[in-house]
Amino acid sequence: MQRYFRTSPPTVHSMVVRLEQCGFIHRVPGQARSIRVVLPPEQLPNLE
């Protein structure tokens, strides 16, 4: 995410926290690489 958006690690962390607060993702606290997208694929934007 940091490379894609060309931003800093703290900014990426803030983005992840906000996505979780909005209900777009789910993650397990204390478990690395536990992010799961909650939205159906058809609601996700095409980033390519």
PDB file of N, CA and C in Angstrom:
ATOM      1  N   MET A   1       0.826  -1.184   0.000  1.00  0.00           N
ATOM      2  CA  MET A   1       0.000   0.000   0.000  1.00  0.00           C
ATOM      3  C   MET A   1       0.871   1.248   0.000  1.00  0.00           C
ATOM      4  N   GLN A   2       1.967   1.179   0.738  1.00  0.00           N
ATOM      5  CA  GLN A   2       2.849   2.329   0.813  1.00  0.00           C
ATOM      6  C   GLN A   2       3.393   2.683  -0.573  1.00  0.00           C
ATOM      7  N   ARG A   3       3.837   1.676  -1.316  1.00  0.00           N
ATOM      8  CA  ARG A   3       4.365   1.937  -2.658  1.00  0.00           C
ATOM      9  C   ARG A   3       3.259   2.372  -3.622  1.00  0.00           C
ATOM     10  N   TYR A   4       2.112   1.716  -3.570  1.00  0.00           N
ATOM     11  CA  TYR A   4       1.027   2.027  -4.492  1.00  0.00           C
ATOM     12  C   TYR A   4       0.563   3.477  -4.335  1.00  0.00           C
ATOM     13  N   PHE A   5       0.362   3.916  -3.089  1.00  0.00           N
ATOM     14  CA  PHE A   5      -0.124   5.265  -2.834  1.00  0.00           C
ATOM     15  C   PHE A   5       1.002   6.287  -2.653  1.00  0.00           C
ATOM     16  N   ARG A   6       2.252   5.814  -2.671  1.00  0.00           N
ATOM     17  CA  ARG A   6       3.436   6.680  -2.516  1.00  0.00           C
ATOM     18  C   ARG A   6       3.326   7.546  -1.261  1.00  0.00           C
ATOM     19  N   THR A   7       3.227   6.856  -0.133  1.00  0.00           N
ATOM     20  CA  THR A   7       3.051   7.557   1.133  1.00  0.00           C
ATOM     21  C   THR A   7       3.901   6.895   2.217  1.00  0.00           C
ATOM     22  N   SER A   8       3.802   7.366   3.429  1.00  0.00           N
ATOM     23  CA  SER A   8       4.622   6.864   4.536  1.00  0.00           C
ATOM     24  C   SER A   8       3.916   5.727   5.291  1.00  0.00           C
ATOM     25  N   PRO A   9       4.695   4.903   6.011  1.00  0.00           N
ATOM     26  CA  PRO A   9       4.077   3.830   6.810  1.00  0.00           C
ATOM     27  C   PRO A   9       3.023   4.317   7.810  1.00  0.00           C
ATOM     28  N   PRO A  10       3.251   5.435   8.529  1.00  0.00           N
ATOM     29  CA  PRO A  10       2.193   5.891   9.446  1.00  0.00           C
ATOM     30  C   PRO A  10       0.889   6.253   8.722  1.00  0.00           C
ATOM     31  N   THR A  11       1.001   6.781   7.519  1.00  0.00           N
ATOM     32  CA  THR A  11      -0.188   7.126   6.747  1.00  0.00           C
ATOM     33  C   THR A  11      -0.941   5.865   6.347  1.00  0.00           C
ATOM     34  N   VAL A  12      -0.207   4.829   5.945  1.00  0.00           N
ATOM     35  CA  VAL A  12      -0.830   3.557   5.584  1.00  0.00           C
ATOM     36  C   VAL A  12      -1.550   2.973   6.796  1.00  0.00           C
ATOM     37  N   HIS A  13      -0.920   3.033   7.950  1.00  0.00           N
ATOM     38  CA  HIS A  13      -1.551   2.517   9.165  1.00  0.00           C
ATOM     39  C   HIS A  13      -2.856   3.268   9.448  1.00  0.00           C
ATOM     40  N   SER A  14      -2.823   4.578   9.311  1.00  0.00           N
ATOM     41  CA  SER A  14      -4.043   5.375   9.524  1.00  0.00           C
ATOM     42  C   SER A  14      -5.129   4.977   8.535  1.00  0.00           C
ATOM     43  N   MET A  15      -4.737   4.714   7.290  1.00  0.00           N
ATOM     44  CA  MET A  15      -5.705   4.293   6.275  1.00  0.00           C
ATOM     45  C   MET A  15      -6.337   2.952   6.662  1.00  0.00           C
ATOM     46  N   VAL A  16      -5.522   2.018   7.124  1.00  0.00           N
ATOM     47  CA  VAL A  16      -6.024   0.697   7.504  1.00  0.00           C
ATOM     48  C   VAL A  16      -6.980   0.816   8.695  1.00  0.00           C
ATOM     49  N   VAL A  17      -6.612   1.612   9.672  1.00  0.00           N
ATOM     50  CA  VAL A  17      -7.476   1.823  10.841  1.00  0.00           C
ATOM     51  C   VAL A  17      -8.811   2.427  10.407  1.00  0.00           C
ATOM     52  N   ARG A  18      -8.768   3.403   9.520  1.00  0.00           N
ATOM     53  CA  ARG A  18     -10.007   4.053   9.052  1.00  0.00           C
ATOM     54  C   ARG A  18     -10.870   3.083   8.244  1.00  0.00           C
ATOM     55  N   LEU A  19     -10.245   2.277   7.382  1.00  0.00           N
ATOM     56  CA  LEU A  19     -10.999   1.275   6.619  1.00  0.00           C
ATOM     57  C   LEU A  19     -11.706   0.292   7.552  1.00  0.00           C
ATOM     58  N   GLU A  20     -11.030  -0.071   8.629  1.00  0.00           N
ATOM     59  CA  GLU A  20     -11.642  -0.980   9.605  1.00  0.00           C
ATOM     60  C   GLU A  20     -12.800  -0.295  10.329  1.00  0.00           C
ATOM     61  N   GLN A  21     -12.630   0.958  10.710  1.00  0.00           N
ATOM     62  CA  GLN A  21     -13.689   1.704  11.396  1.00  0.00           C
ATOM     63  C   GLN A  21     -14.934   1.848  10.514  1.00  0.00           C
ATOM     64  N   CYS A  22     -14.720   1.979   9.219  1.00  0.00           N
ATOM     65  CA  CYS A  22     -15.837   2.138   8.272  1.00  0.00           C
ATOM     66  C   CYS A  22     -16.477   0.800   7.899  1.00  0.00           C
ATOM     67  N   GLY A  23     -15.882  -0.302   8.334  1.00  0.00           N
ATOM     68  CA  GLY A  23     -16.454  -1.614   8.060  1.00  0.00           C
ATOM     69  C   GLY A  23     -16.088  -2.208   6.713  1.00  0.00           C
ATOM     70  N   PHE A  24     -15.061  -1.647   6.050  1.00  0.00           N
ATOM     71  CA  PHE A  24     -14.647  -2.154   4.742  1.00  0.00           C
ATOM     72  C   PHE A  24     -13.712  -3.350   4.849  1.00  0.00           C
ATOM     73  N   ILE A  25     -12.990  -3.432   5.967  1.00  0.00           N
ATOM     74  CA  ILE A  25     -12.069  -4.547   6.193  1.00  0.00           C
ATOM     75  C   ILE A  25     -12.251  -5.074   7.610  1.00  0.00           C
ATOM     76  N   HIS A  26     -11.717  -6.257   7.840  1.00  0.00           N
ATOM     77  CA  HIS A  26     -11.705  -6.849   9.176  1.00  0.00           C
ATOM     78  C   HIS A  26     -10.291  -7.346   9.414  1.00  0.00           C
ATOM     79  N   ARG A  27      -9.779  -7.139  10.612  1.00  0.00           N
ATOM     80  CA  ARG A  27      -8.452  -7.662  10.948  1.00  0.00           C
ATOM     81  C   ARG A  27      -8.457  -8.195  12.368  1.00  0.00           C
ATOM     82  N   VAL A  28      -7.539  -9.114  12.628  1.00  0.00           N
ATOM     83  CA  VAL A  28      -7.408  -9.718  13.951  1.00  0.00           C
ATOM     84  C   VAL A  28      -6.298  -8.968  14.688  1.00  0.00           C
ATOM     85  N   PRO A  29      -6.624  -8.275  15.781  1.00  0.00           N
ATOM     86  CA  PRO A  29      -5.600  -7.534  16.523  1.00  0.00           C
ATOM     87  C   PRO A  29      -4.461  -8.440  16.978  1.00  0.00           C
ATOM     88  N   GLY A  30      -3.238  -7.971  16.787  1.00  0.00           N
ATOM     89  CA  GLY A  30      -2.062  -8.715  17.215  1.00  0.00           C
ATOM     90  C   GLY A  30      -1.625  -9.806  16.266  1.00  0.00           C
ATOM     91  N   GLN A  31      -2.342 -10.016  15.186  1.00  0.00           N
ATOM     92  CA  GLN A  31      -1.991 -11.060  14.218  1.00  0.00           C
ATOM     93  C   GLN A  31      -1.586 -10.396  12.902  1.00  0.00           C
ATOM     94  N   ALA A  32      -0.337 -10.594  12.513  1.00  0.00           N
ATOM     95  CA  ALA A  32       0.167  -9.997  11.283  1.00  0.00           C
ATOM     96  C   ALA A  32      -0.543 -10.570  10.064  1.00  0.00           C
ATOM     97  N   ARG A  33      -0.701  -9.748   9.046  1.00  0.00           N
ATOM     98  CA  ARG A  33      -1.296 -10.139   7.763  1.00  0.00           C
ATOM     99  C   ARG A  33      -2.682 -10.767   7.914  1.00  0.00           C
ATOM    100  N   SER A  34      -3.483 -10.190   8.777  1.00  0.00           N
ATOM    101  CA  SER A  34      -4.811 -10.752   9.035  1.00  0.00           C
ATOM    102  C   SER A  34      -5.936  -9.930   8.414  1.00  0.00           C
ATOM    103  N   ILE A  35      -5.608  -8.999   7.523  1.00  0.00           N
ATOM    104  CA  ILE A  35      -6.631  -8.128   6.933  1.00  0.00           C
ATOM    105  C   ILE A  35      -7.480  -8.912   5.940  1.00  0.00           C
ATOM    106  N   ARG A  36      -8.795  -8.794   6.099  1.00  0.00           N
ATOM    107  CA  ARG A  36      -9.746  -9.450   5.193  1.00  0.00           C
ATOM    108  C   ARG A  36     -10.712  -8.387   4.694  1.00  0.00           C
ATOM    109  N   VAL A  37     -10.867  -8.307   3.371  1.00  0.00           N
ATOM    110  CA  VAL A  37     -11.792  -7.349   2.768  1.00  0.00           C
ATOM    111  C   VAL A  37     -13.209  -7.865   2.964  1.00  0.00           C
ATOM    112  N   VAL A  38     -14.098  -7.009   3.463  1.00  0.00           N
ATOM    113  CA  VAL A  38     -15.468  -7.399   3.782  1.00  0.00           C
ATOM    114  C   VAL A  38     -16.417  -7.138   2.610  1.00  0.00           C
ATOM    115  N   LEU A  39     -16.077  -6.201   1.744  1.00  0.00           N
ATOM    116  CA  LEU A  39     -16.943  -5.857   0.611  1.00  0.00           C
ATOM    117  C   LEU A  39     -16.943  -6.948  -0.455  1.00  0.00           C
ATOM    118  N   PRO A  40     -18.056  -7.129  -1.151  1.00  0.00           N
ATOM    119  CA  PRO A  40     -18.079  -8.053  -2.278  1.00  0.00           C
ATOM    120  C   PRO A  40     -17.200  -7.512  -3.406  1.00  0.00           C
ATOM    121  N   PRO A  41     -16.588  -8.375  -4.229  1.00  0.00           N
ATOM    122  CA  PRO A  41     -15.671  -7.940  -5.297  1.00  0.00           C
ATOM    123  C   PRO A  41     -16.275  -6.913  -6.247  1.00  0.00           C
ATOM    124  N   GLU A  42     -17.559  -7.013  -6.538  1.00  0.00           N
ATOM    125  CA  GLU A  42     -18.174  -6.072  -7.488  1.00  0.00           C
ATOM    126  C   GLU A  42     -18.250  -4.641  -6.935  1.00  0.00           C
ATOM    127  N   GLN A  43     -18.092  -4.468  -5.629  1.00  0.00           N
ATOM    128  CA  GLN A  43     -18.102  -3.128  -5.031  1.00  0.00           C
ATOM    129  C   GLN A  43     -16.706  -2.521  -4.918  1.00  0.00           C
ATOM    130  N   LEU A  44     -15.682  -3.275  -5.266  1.00  0.00           N
ATOM    131  CA  LEU A  44     -14.307  -2.774  -5.194  1.00  0.00           C
ATOM    132  C   LEU A  44     -13.940  -2.072  -6.494  1.00  0.00           C
ATOM    133  N   PRO A  45     -13.185  -0.972  -6.407  1.00  0.00           N
ATOM    134  CA  PRO A  45     -12.756  -0.276  -7.631  1.00  0.00           C
ATOM    135  C   PRO A  45     -11.652  -1.053  -8.330  1.00  0.00           C
ATOM    136  N   ASN A  46     -11.560  -0.898  -9.632  1.00  0.00           N
ATOM    137  CA  ASN A  46     -10.472  -1.497 -10.404  1.00  0.00           C
ATOM    138  C   ASN A  46      -9.258  -0.569 -10.286  1.00  0.00           C
ATOM    139  N   LEU A  47      -8.184  -1.041  -9.666  1.00  0.00           N
ATOM    140  CA  LEU A  47      -7.017  -0.184  -9.409  1.00  0.00           C
ATOM    141  C   LEU A  47      -5.947  -0.310 -10.491  1.00  0.00           C
ATOM    142  N   GLU A  48      -6.193  -1.029 -11.536  1.00  0.00           N
ATOM    143  CA  GLU A  48      -5.175  -1.175 -12.581  1.00  0.00           C
ATOM    144  C   GLU A  48      -5.312  -0.127 -13.640  1.00  0.00           C
TER     145      GLU A  48
END
